Amino acid sequence: MRATGAYTDAARDRLALIATLAAGTWTNVFSFHAPRYASAATAGKIVGIAADGPGYLLATSNGKVTSVNAPSFGSVSGAIRAPVVGIATDQATGGYWLATSAGHIYSFHAPSYGSLTGKTLPAPVVAVAADGLGYLLITRAGHVYSFHMVSYGSVAGKKPPAPIAGI
C-alpha cells in the first residue's frame, strides 16, 4: 500500500488529504484539519486524489473518477491508450483534468490547454499539477511541461537521486 495526497487552501482552512492506494477496491482517506466524509469504493487502482471545494475526487488508472462531496463531471468513457497517472482541479471552473503516462490530458468542465499526445517523451508522465492558471505535466526523469502557465524549469539534464514518482 502507498499513499498520495492533495493539498490546497480551501475556505480559509488548510486542507490535506491522503488516500491509501491498495490493491483492492476500497480506499481509505485520511483527513488533516479538513472535513472527512468517507472512504470510497472505486472501480480500479487509485492513482490520484484532488481536493475540490468541500470534498475530493479520486482518479483510477482506467480513467474513472469517484466524487466524494464534490461535483463530478464524468470519467473517461471507452478504452484509453495509456494509464491515467493523476488528477488536478481547475480553481476557476471547478472542473478537473486527468493526465495519462503518455502525456494526454482529458478535460472535464475545465479548459484544455494542450497535451503531449503524439510527442516522444524522454520518460513517462507520472503527475499532473494545477495552480489556477493552467497545469503542469511531470515525467519520471524530472522534465516539467507547462500548459497555460509560467514554467520555472525542471531537473531535465540533471540526474535526480531517484526517479520522480509524483508531486
Foldseek 3Di string as FASTA:
>chain_A
DDKDWEWDQAPNWTWIWIWDWDPAQWIAIDTDRADDQGIDGHDATWQEKYDFHRWIWTAHQQFAIDTGPADDQTTDPDGDPFTWRYKEAAPVQSWIWTAGQQFDIDTGRDDDQDTCPPPDDPATFREKYDDNQFIWTAGQQWAIDTGRDDDPGTCVVPGDPGGDHYD
